[in-house]
Every structure is written in structure tokens, then in C-alpha cells.
N, C-alpha and C. Protein backbone atom coordinates (compact mmCIF):
# COMPACT_ATOMS: atom_id res chain seq x y z
N MET A 1 11.20 16.57 26.64
CA MET A 1 11.30 15.27 26.04
C MET A 1 10.29 15.28 25.02
N LYS A 2 10.48 14.64 23.89
CA LYS A 2 9.63 14.62 22.85
C LYS A 2 9.05 12.87 22.79
N SER A 3 7.48 13.01 22.56
CA SER A 3 7.14 11.73 22.48
C SER A 3 6.97 11.07 21.05
N LYS A 4 7.01 9.82 20.86
CA LYS A 4 6.95 9.52 19.55
C LYS A 4 5.57 9.69 18.93
N SER A 5 5.83 9.91 17.54
CA SER A 5 4.36 10.03 16.72
C SER A 5 3.58 8.82 16.82
N MET A 6 2.45 8.71 16.30
CA MET A 6 1.86 7.62 16.30
C MET A 6 2.35 6.64 15.32
N ALA A 7 3.05 7.26 13.94
CA ALA A 7 3.47 6.50 12.91
C ALA A 7 4.86 5.73 13.36
N GLN A 8 5.45 6.54 14.36
CA GLN A 8 6.83 6.05 14.79
C GLN A 8 6.55 4.71 15.75
N SER A 9 5.43 4.90 16.65
CA SER A 9 5.23 3.87 17.61
C SER A 9 4.40 2.37 17.01
N GLY A 10 4.31 2.46 15.76
CA GLY A 10 3.82 1.23 15.18
C GLY A 10 2.37 1.30 14.41
N MET A 11 1.76 2.61 14.78
CA MET A 11 0.44 2.85 14.14
C MET A 11 0.70 3.09 12.74
N MET A 12 -0.47 2.78 11.86
CA MET A 12 -0.25 2.97 10.47
C MET A 12 0.32 4.27 9.93
N LYS A 13 1.16 4.58 9.03
CA LYS A 13 1.73 5.71 8.53
C LYS A 13 0.95 6.43 7.46
N ASP A 14 1.01 7.52 7.32
CA ASP A 14 0.34 8.45 6.28
C ASP A 14 0.87 7.84 4.82
N GLY A 15 -0.07 7.77 4.05
CA GLY A 15 0.10 7.29 2.68
C GLY A 15 -1.15 6.91 1.89
N THR A 16 -0.81 6.16 0.81
CA THR A 16 -2.13 5.65 0.27
C THR A 16 -2.31 4.04 0.59
N MET A 17 -3.61 3.61 0.26
CA MET A 17 -3.52 2.01 0.66
C MET A 17 -4.98 1.64 -0.17
N MET A 18 -4.80 0.32 -0.78
CA MET A 18 -5.81 -0.38 -1.26
C MET A 18 -6.75 -0.93 -0.41
N LYS A 19 -7.93 -0.55 0.04
CA LYS A 19 -8.56 -1.29 0.98
C LYS A 19 -10.07 -1.71 0.37
N ASN A 20 -10.60 -2.72 0.48
CA ASN A 20 -11.69 -3.23 -0.09
C ASN A 20 -12.00 -2.61 -1.48
N GLY A 21 -11.06 -2.81 -2.39
CA GLY A 21 -10.87 -2.31 -3.83
C GLY A 21 -10.92 -1.13 -4.08
N LYS A 22 -10.94 -0.42 -3.25
CA LYS A 22 -10.88 1.33 -3.28
C LYS A 22 -9.49 1.91 -2.87
N MET A 23 -8.75 2.97 -3.46
CA MET A 23 -7.70 3.49 -2.90
C MET A 23 -8.31 4.60 -1.78
N MET A 24 -7.37 4.35 -0.48
CA MET A 24 -7.83 5.24 0.33
C MET A 24 -6.51 5.71 0.77
N MET A 25 -6.70 7.04 1.47
CA MET A 25 -5.44 7.94 1.84
C MET A 25 -5.61 7.97 3.41
N MET A 26 -4.32 7.81 4.07
CA MET A 26 -4.18 7.76 5.44
C MET A 26 -3.57 9.32 5.83
N LYS A 27 -4.07 9.84 6.71
CA LYS A 27 -3.52 11.18 7.11
C LYS A 27 -3.77 11.51 8.43
N ASP A 28 -2.86 11.52 9.30
CA ASP A 28 -2.81 11.59 10.87
C ASP A 28 -3.81 10.58 11.49
N GLY A 29 -3.76 9.47 11.11
CA GLY A 29 -4.16 8.16 11.51
C GLY A 29 -5.76 8.13 11.14
N LYS A 30 -6.06 9.04 10.31
CA LYS A 30 -7.40 8.60 9.55
C LYS A 30 -7.58 8.46 8.23
N MET A 31 -8.28 7.68 7.95
CA MET A 31 -8.50 7.05 6.75
C MET A 31 -9.63 7.29 5.80
N MET A 32 -9.48 8.09 4.59
CA MET A 32 -10.48 8.59 3.99
C MET A 32 -10.19 8.24 2.32
N PRO A 33 -11.31 8.25 1.48
CA PRO A 33 -11.19 7.96 0.36
C PRO A 33 -10.34 9.04 -0.51
N MET A 34 -9.27 8.40 -1.44
CA MET A 34 -8.61 9.04 -2.15
C MET A 34 -9.35 10.19 -3.04
N THR A 35 -9.03 11.52 -3.10
CA THR A 35 -9.70 12.49 -3.98
C THR A 35 -8.98 12.92 -4.95
N GLN A 36 -7.62 12.62 -5.02
CA GLN A 36 -6.67 13.07 -6.31
C GLN A 36 -5.39 12.11 -6.25
N ASN A 37 -4.71 12.19 -7.38
CA ASN A 37 -3.53 11.56 -7.49
C ASN A 37 -2.44 12.28 -6.49
N MET A 38 -1.69 11.47 -5.99
CA MET A 38 -0.61 11.90 -4.98
C MET A 38 0.63 11.56 -5.31
N THR A 39 1.69 12.55 -5.12
CA THR A 39 2.97 12.44 -5.32
C THR A 39 3.72 12.35 -4.09
N MET A 40 4.45 11.19 -3.75
CA MET A 40 5.38 10.91 -2.53
C MET A 40 6.65 11.91 -2.67
N SER A 41 7.28 11.78 -1.49
CA SER A 41 8.49 12.84 -1.36
C SER A 41 9.76 12.19 -2.26
N ASP A 42 9.69 10.89 -2.54
CA ASP A 42 10.73 10.29 -3.60
C ASP A 42 10.39 10.60 -5.01
N GLY A 43 9.26 11.05 -5.42
CA GLY A 43 8.83 11.46 -6.59
C GLY A 43 7.98 10.14 -7.22
N SER A 44 7.78 8.91 -6.52
CA SER A 44 7.05 8.19 -6.88
C SER A 44 5.37 8.73 -6.74
N MET A 45 4.36 8.11 -7.66
CA MET A 45 3.09 8.58 -7.82
C MET A 45 1.92 7.60 -7.53
N CYS A 46 0.96 7.93 -6.65
CA CYS A 46 -0.13 6.82 -6.74
C CYS A 46 -1.31 7.52 -7.27
N MET A 47 -2.01 6.81 -8.31
CA MET A 47 -3.26 7.28 -8.98
C MET A 47 -4.62 6.85 -8.10
N MET A 48 -5.66 7.26 -8.60
CA MET A 48 -6.83 7.20 -7.88
C MET A 48 -7.11 5.62 -8.29
N ASP A 49 -6.98 5.10 -9.43
CA ASP A 49 -7.24 3.75 -9.65
C ASP A 49 -6.50 2.78 -9.21
N GLY A 50 -5.42 2.96 -8.21
CA GLY A 50 -4.61 2.10 -7.75
C GLY A 50 -3.32 1.91 -8.39
N THR A 51 -3.06 2.49 -9.64
CA THR A 51 -1.79 2.45 -10.34
C THR A 51 -0.69 3.56 -9.63
N CYS A 52 0.32 2.68 -9.30
CA CYS A 52 1.74 3.46 -8.78
C CYS A 52 2.77 3.38 -9.81
N LYS A 53 3.36 4.70 -9.92
CA LYS A 53 4.72 4.67 -10.70
C LYS A 53 5.68 5.19 -9.70
N MET A 54 6.49 4.08 -9.74
CA MET A 54 7.75 4.06 -8.85
C MET A 54 8.58 5.18 -9.36
N LYS A 55 9.68 5.82 -8.24
CA LYS A 55 10.66 6.89 -8.88
C LYS A 55 11.59 6.34 -9.87
N ASP A 56 11.63 4.68 -9.84
CA ASP A 56 12.73 4.36 -11.09
C ASP A 56 11.80 4.15 -12.53
N GLY A 57 10.45 4.62 -12.42
CA GLY A 57 9.63 4.50 -13.65
C GLY A 57 8.93 3.41 -13.90
N THR A 58 8.98 2.32 -12.93
CA THR A 58 8.15 1.01 -13.19
C THR A 58 6.98 1.47 -12.71
N THR A 59 5.71 0.69 -13.10
CA THR A 59 4.50 1.08 -12.85
C THR A 59 3.92 -0.53 -12.20
N MET A 60 2.90 -0.34 -11.15
CA MET A 60 2.26 -1.32 -10.74
C MET A 60 1.05 -1.20 -10.35
N LYS A 61 -0.02 -2.11 -10.08
CA LYS A 61 -1.01 -1.72 -9.56
C LYS A 61 -1.13 -2.44 -8.27
N MET A 62 -1.82 -1.46 -7.14
CA MET A 62 -1.74 -2.10 -5.99
C MET A 62 -2.75 -3.01 -5.81
N LYS A 63 -2.56 -3.96 -4.87
CA LYS A 63 -3.44 -5.08 -4.29
C LYS A 63 -4.00 -4.92 -3.00
N GLU A 64 -5.28 -5.36 -2.83
CA GLU A 64 -5.82 -5.29 -1.38
C GLU A 64 -4.57 -5.39 -0.29
N GLY A 65 -4.74 -4.37 0.56
CA GLY A 65 -3.78 -4.27 1.62
C GLY A 65 -2.44 -3.77 1.44
N GLU A 66 -2.06 -3.43 0.29
CA GLU A 66 -0.92 -2.83 0.06
C GLU A 66 -1.03 -1.42 0.28
N MET A 67 0.14 -0.77 0.64
CA MET A 67 0.32 0.46 1.02
C MET A 67 1.46 1.15 0.48
N MET A 68 1.66 2.49 0.10
CA MET A 68 2.59 3.24 -0.29
C MET A 68 2.62 4.39 0.77
N THR A 69 3.94 4.41 1.63
CA THR A 69 3.89 5.33 2.70
C THR A 69 4.34 6.72 1.70
N MET A 70 4.28 7.93 2.46
CA MET A 70 4.71 9.14 1.83
C MET A 70 6.21 9.33 1.27
N ASP A 71 6.97 8.63 1.82
CA ASP A 71 8.42 8.37 1.46
C ASP A 71 8.54 7.63 0.13
N GLY A 72 7.26 7.07 -0.27
CA GLY A 72 7.62 6.04 -1.39
C GLY A 72 7.76 4.66 -1.22
N LYS A 73 8.03 4.02 0.03
CA LYS A 73 7.78 2.82 0.27
C LYS A 73 6.77 2.14 0.19
N MET A 74 6.80 0.76 -0.25
CA MET A 74 5.73 -0.04 -0.35
C MET A 74 5.50 -0.95 0.80
N MET A 75 4.42 -1.16 1.60
CA MET A 75 4.26 -2.00 2.38
C MET A 75 2.93 -2.66 2.29
N MET A 76 2.91 -3.71 3.20
CA MET A 76 1.69 -4.84 3.07
C MET A 76 1.11 -4.86 4.34
N MET A 77 -0.06 -4.72 4.52
CA MET A 77 -0.90 -5.09 5.94
C MET A 77 -0.84 -6.61 5.91
N LYS A 78 -0.52 -7.33 7.00
CA LYS A 78 -0.42 -8.72 7.01
C LYS A 78 -0.95 -8.98 8.68
N ASP A 79 -2.11 -9.62 8.72
CA ASP A 79 -2.59 -9.73 10.03
C ASP A 79 -2.69 -8.59 11.16
N GLY A 80 -3.12 -7.56 10.52
CA GLY A 80 -3.32 -6.24 11.22
C GLY A 80 -1.86 -5.32 11.53
N LYS A 81 -0.81 -5.97 10.84
CA LYS A 81 0.61 -5.35 11.10
C LYS A 81 1.26 -4.89 9.69
N MET A 82 1.97 -3.78 9.59
CA MET A 82 2.60 -3.36 8.48
C MET A 82 3.91 -4.22 8.33
N MET A 83 4.21 -4.43 7.14
CA MET A 83 5.50 -5.04 6.92
C MET A 83 5.84 -4.53 5.36
N SER A 84 7.37 -4.35 5.35
CA SER A 84 7.65 -4.00 4.37
C SER A 84 7.62 -4.88 2.96
N LYS A 85 7.70 -4.49 1.72
CA LYS A 85 7.42 -5.62 0.63
C LYS A 85 8.78 -6.16 0.57
N ASP A 86 9.77 -5.72 0.91
CA ASP A 86 11.13 -6.42 0.83
C ASP A 86 11.18 -7.78 1.91
N HIS A 87 10.41 -7.42 2.99
CA HIS A 87 10.31 -8.42 4.12
C HIS A 87 9.50 -9.53 3.63
N MET A 88 8.22 -9.12 2.96
CA MET A 88 7.45 -10.21 2.44
C MET A 88 7.87 -11.11 1.33
N SER A 89 8.50 -10.47 0.55
CA SER A 89 9.11 -11.08 -0.72
C SER A 89 10.07 -12.47 -0.16
N LYS A 90 11.24 -11.85 0.90
CA LYS A 90 11.96 -12.63 1.64
C LYS A 90 11.17 -13.99 2.50
N THR A 91 10.24 -13.62 3.24
CA THR A 91 9.53 -14.51 3.74
C THR A 91 8.63 -15.68 2.75
N LYS A 92 8.17 -15.38 1.58
CA LYS A 92 7.43 -16.02 0.73
C LYS A 92 8.38 -16.89 0.01
N SER A 93 9.71 -16.53 -0.14
CA SER A 93 10.65 -17.32 -1.02
C SER A 93 11.21 -18.55 -0.15
N LYS A 94 11.02 -18.51 1.25
CA LYS A 94 11.41 -19.52 2.16
C LYS A 94 10.23 -20.63 2.28
N MET A 95 10.17 -21.43 1.08
CA MET A 95 9.21 -22.71 0.92
C MET A 95 10.05 -23.87 1.13
């Protein structure tokens, strides 16, 4: 029987994140400063200045608490929990 990895059980996933105005890299549950630009498995790229180029060619600047997982999905940390950006935009529009 295989146990779930930390990422599958709700812990933070590997990827890049804007924290305290600096780009950080999550790897195996450890957070460290980004030392180089990163290319995700879907072709998206995150630069050390927080600029991300998505696989469709659009560019965006990460805001505090935003994260891109290694598969290129944008996430947002809210109240210590990770939420997909799609979910965030749906909850914001219900006003």
C-alpha cells in the first residue's frame, strides 16, 4: 500500500510562490529563494522577478500569496489553504 505524498494530502505543492515580495521555490516541502527562472511541465515559465509567462503566451506578474505549481496551474494561498485561481475568481464574482 502506497501512502499519499505530502502534496496530495493537502500540504503545499512544489512550485514557485510570491512571499513577502520575493519569489520563492517550494521543493519537497521546503521553501527557499528562487535562484533561477523555472520552466513548468506544461511549458509555462516563472522568472525570478515574479513575471510568469503562461503556456498560451500571456504574461502576468505574481501577487503576494500566488503560486504556480510545477504543472503550470496558478494557485492562491488564502487563510493558510491553497485554492485554484479558477475557484478564487468564482468566489469573487458572487457579490
